[in-house]
Protein backbone atom coordinates (compact mmCIF):
# COMPACT_ATOMS: atom_id res chain seq x y z
CA MET A 1 -61.20 47.66 -215.55
CA SER A 2 -57.69 45.02 -215.34
CA MET A 3 -57.03 43.63 -211.78
CA THR A 4 -53.31 43.98 -210.84
CA ILE A 5 -50.80 40.99 -209.70
CA LYS A 6 -51.33 41.22 -206.22
CA GLU A 7 -55.35 41.47 -206.70
CA ALA A 8 -55.16 38.10 -208.59
CA THR A 9 -53.36 36.72 -205.88
CA GLU A 10 -55.17 37.63 -203.54
CA LEU A 11 -58.73 36.55 -205.26
CA ALA A 12 -56.87 33.19 -206.11
CA SER A 13 -56.17 32.79 -202.14
CA ILE A 14 -59.29 33.30 -201.66
CA ILE A 15 -60.90 31.00 -203.66
CA GLY A 16 -58.26 28.19 -202.67
CA VAL A 17 -59.88 29.32 -198.95
CA LEU A 18 -63.26 29.01 -200.52
CA ILE A 19 -62.80 25.65 -202.33
CA THR A 20 -60.42 24.22 -198.79
CA VAL A 21 -63.20 25.43 -196.59
CA ILE A 22 -65.89 23.41 -198.79
CA ALA A 23 -63.79 20.12 -199.22
CA LEU A 24 -63.37 20.15 -196.05
CA LEU A 25 -67.09 20.21 -195.18
CA PHE A 26 -67.50 17.77 -197.60
CA THR A 27 -64.88 15.22 -195.66
CA VAL A 28 -66.57 15.92 -192.63
CA LEU A 29 -70.03 15.13 -193.30
CA SER A 30 -68.89 12.18 -195.34
CA PHE A 31 -66.92 10.93 -191.92
CA LYS A 32 -70.19 11.84 -189.52
CA LYS A 33 -72.05 9.65 -192.74
CA GLN A 34 -69.19 7.03 -192.07
CA LEU A 35 -69.46 6.55 -188.47
CA GLN A 36 -73.31 6.90 -188.06
CA LEU A 37 -73.35 4.00 -190.20
CA SER A 38 -70.22 1.82 -188.93
CA PHE A 39 -72.04 2.59 -185.67
CA PHE A 40 -75.34 1.20 -186.94
CA SER A 41 -73.70 -1.76 -188.51
CA GLU A 42 -72.67 -2.48 -184.73
CA TYR A 43 -75.67 -2.80 -183.35
CA THR A 44 -77.47 -4.30 -185.90
CA ARG A 45 -74.74 -7.14 -185.68
CA ARG A 46 -74.73 -7.43 -181.77
CA TYR A 47 -78.59 -7.57 -182.75
CA GLN A 48 -78.26 -10.43 -185.20
CA GLU A 49 -75.55 -12.11 -182.66
CA ILE A 50 -78.15 -11.92 -179.81
CA VAL A 51 -81.19 -13.69 -181.34
CA LEU A 52 -79.03 -16.03 -183.50
CA ASN A 53 -78.45 -17.51 -180.46
CA PHE A 54 -82.45 -18.27 -179.23
CA PRO A 55 -84.05 -21.14 -179.51
CA ILE A 56 -86.09 -21.83 -182.14
CA SER A 57 -88.75 -22.31 -180.46
CA PHE A 58 -87.90 -18.62 -178.91
CA ASN A 59 -90.67 -16.36 -180.38
CA ALA A 60 -93.47 -18.81 -179.86
CA ASP A 61 -96.75 -18.32 -177.66
CA GLY A 62 -96.23 -21.09 -175.45
CA PHE A 63 -92.47 -20.50 -175.07
CA ASP A 64 -91.01 -21.93 -171.53
CA TYR A 65 -87.75 -21.38 -169.95
CA GLY A 66 -88.50 -25.18 -168.29
CA SER A 67 -88.65 -27.12 -171.42
CA LEU A 68 -84.71 -26.10 -172.24
CA THR A 69 -81.90 -28.35 -170.48
CA PRO A 70 -80.43 -26.55 -168.05
CA GLU A 71 -77.34 -25.82 -170.27
CA ASP A 72 -79.94 -24.29 -172.62
CA ARG A 73 -81.35 -22.26 -170.39
CA ASP A 74 -78.71 -20.69 -169.06
CA LYS A 75 -77.23 -19.90 -172.18
CA THR A 76 -80.89 -18.23 -173.60
CA LEU A 77 -80.68 -16.54 -170.51
CA ARG A 78 -77.31 -15.01 -170.93
CA TYR A 79 -78.23 -14.06 -174.22
CA VAL A 80 -81.59 -12.24 -173.47
CA ARG A 81 -79.40 -10.57 -170.84
CA ALA A 82 -77.25 -8.93 -173.53
CA TYR A 83 -80.68 -8.14 -175.56
CA PHE A 84 -81.82 -6.11 -172.79
CA ASP A 85 -78.29 -4.36 -172.59
CA LEU A 86 -78.35 -3.71 -175.52
CA CYS A 87 -81.62 -2.15 -175.89
CA SER A 88 -80.95 -0.32 -172.22
CA GLU A 89 -78.16 1.27 -174.29
CA GLU A 90 -80.13 2.12 -177.43
CA TYR A 91 -82.87 3.62 -174.87
CA PHE A 92 -79.69 5.60 -172.95
CA LEU A 93 -78.68 7.11 -176.31
CA LYS A 94 -81.47 8.02 -177.45
CA ARG A 95 -82.28 10.29 -174.01
CA LYS A 96 -79.02 11.59 -175.15
CA GLY A 97 -79.74 13.02 -177.85
CA HIS A 98 -77.37 10.63 -179.97
CA ILE A 99 -79.21 8.94 -182.13
CA ASP A 100 -82.10 10.07 -184.88
CA SER A 101 -85.61 9.91 -184.45
CA GLU A 102 -86.08 7.94 -187.70
CA THR A 103 -83.42 5.28 -186.24
CA TRP A 104 -85.01 5.15 -182.08
CA LYS A 105 -88.19 4.63 -184.14
CA GLU A 106 -87.10 0.99 -186.16
CA TRP A 107 -85.51 0.03 -182.81
CA GLU A 108 -88.70 0.93 -180.17
CA ALA A 109 -90.76 -0.82 -182.57
CA GLY A 110 -88.56 -3.95 -182.22
CA MET A 111 -88.55 -3.50 -178.50
CA ARG A 112 -92.15 -3.44 -178.28
CA LEU A 113 -92.28 -6.39 -180.65
CA ALA A 114 -89.81 -8.51 -178.18
CA PHE A 115 -91.18 -7.37 -174.98
CA SER A 116 -94.68 -8.56 -175.87
CA LYS A 117 -93.36 -12.10 -176.21
CA THR A 118 -94.02 -14.87 -173.67
CA ALA A 119 -89.98 -15.19 -173.28
CA PHE A 120 -88.90 -11.34 -172.80
CA LEU A 121 -92.33 -11.37 -170.39
CA GLU A 122 -90.66 -14.94 -168.62
CA ALA A 123 -87.00 -13.87 -168.83
CA TRP A 124 -87.65 -9.95 -167.29
CA GLU A 125 -89.21 -11.73 -164.67
CA ILE A 126 -86.58 -14.52 -163.82
CA LEU A 127 -83.61 -12.13 -164.22
CA ASN A 128 -85.51 -9.49 -161.71
CA LEU A 129 -84.02 -6.56 -163.91
CA ASP A 130 -86.02 -4.01 -162.72
CA SER A 131 -83.33 -3.78 -160.19
CA THR A 132 -80.53 -4.25 -162.63
CA TYR A 133 -81.22 -1.41 -165.26
CA TYR A 134 -81.52 2.52 -164.25
CA SER A 135 -85.31 2.95 -163.38
CA GLU A 136 -86.48 5.20 -166.54
CA PHE A 137 -85.68 2.52 -168.91
CA ALA A 138 -86.89 -0.43 -166.21
CA LYS A 139 -90.14 2.05 -166.46
CA PHE A 140 -89.72 2.20 -170.26
CA VAL A 141 -89.87 -1.79 -170.69
CA TYR A 142 -93.11 -2.28 -167.68
CA GLU A 143 -94.55 0.97 -169.61
CA ILE A 144 -94.37 -1.46 -173.03
CA MET A 145 -94.33 -4.85 -172.12
CA PRO A 146 -98.01 -6.28 -171.53
CA ASN A 147 -99.28 -8.55 -168.34
CA SER A 148 -95.79 -8.08 -166.37
CA ARG A 149 -96.82 -9.23 -162.95
CA ASN A 150 -93.69 -7.30 -161.67
CA LYS A 151 -94.53 -3.65 -162.01
CA ILE A 152 -92.26 -1.00 -161.53
CA ASN A 153 -92.50 0.87 -157.83
CA GLN A 154 -93.14 4.00 -158.85
CA LYS A 155 -91.58 5.68 -155.72
CA ASP A 156 -88.32 4.43 -156.34
CA VAL A 157 -89.24 6.23 -160.02
CA GLY A 158 -86.90 8.61 -160.49
CA GLU A 159 -83.86 7.53 -157.13
CA ASN A 160 -81.66 5.68 -159.53
CA ASP A 161 -82.43 8.05 -162.84
CA VAL A 162 -79.86 9.05 -165.52
CA SER A 163 -80.83 12.87 -166.96
CA ALA A 164 -81.90 12.93 -170.24
């Protein structure tokens, strides 16, 4: 059975469309992967900038903001607030489904470790951040932050909630 010129042209057109669709899908998937890497890299860059500005003794069990000069204390608290801001954004992105579970597990593990340290416990108390951040993030922090003296008022949780 031989093919007419018209049939050959139609077949070539179909093959050309299929190749174009496959190339487009490949391009979209590659672009999506690049966006994810760029997104993750930006959060990593922000995290590194924050932690590089903490005092050397910041992770010590006996860390005390009172032992810092007023300038160093203010600077450190600004960067701790920036860290809480970053965590709040990450928590919000997870709730909205904008980051995958594997990335969230990594970020959450880092938050749990950070929030277990004296410097973060004290900063949360000093900055009184439970009134600054939306209630679901504040509740999350209080659930993972051990020995917090300032427990969230349960009747307030949900009033300023950001819906998932």
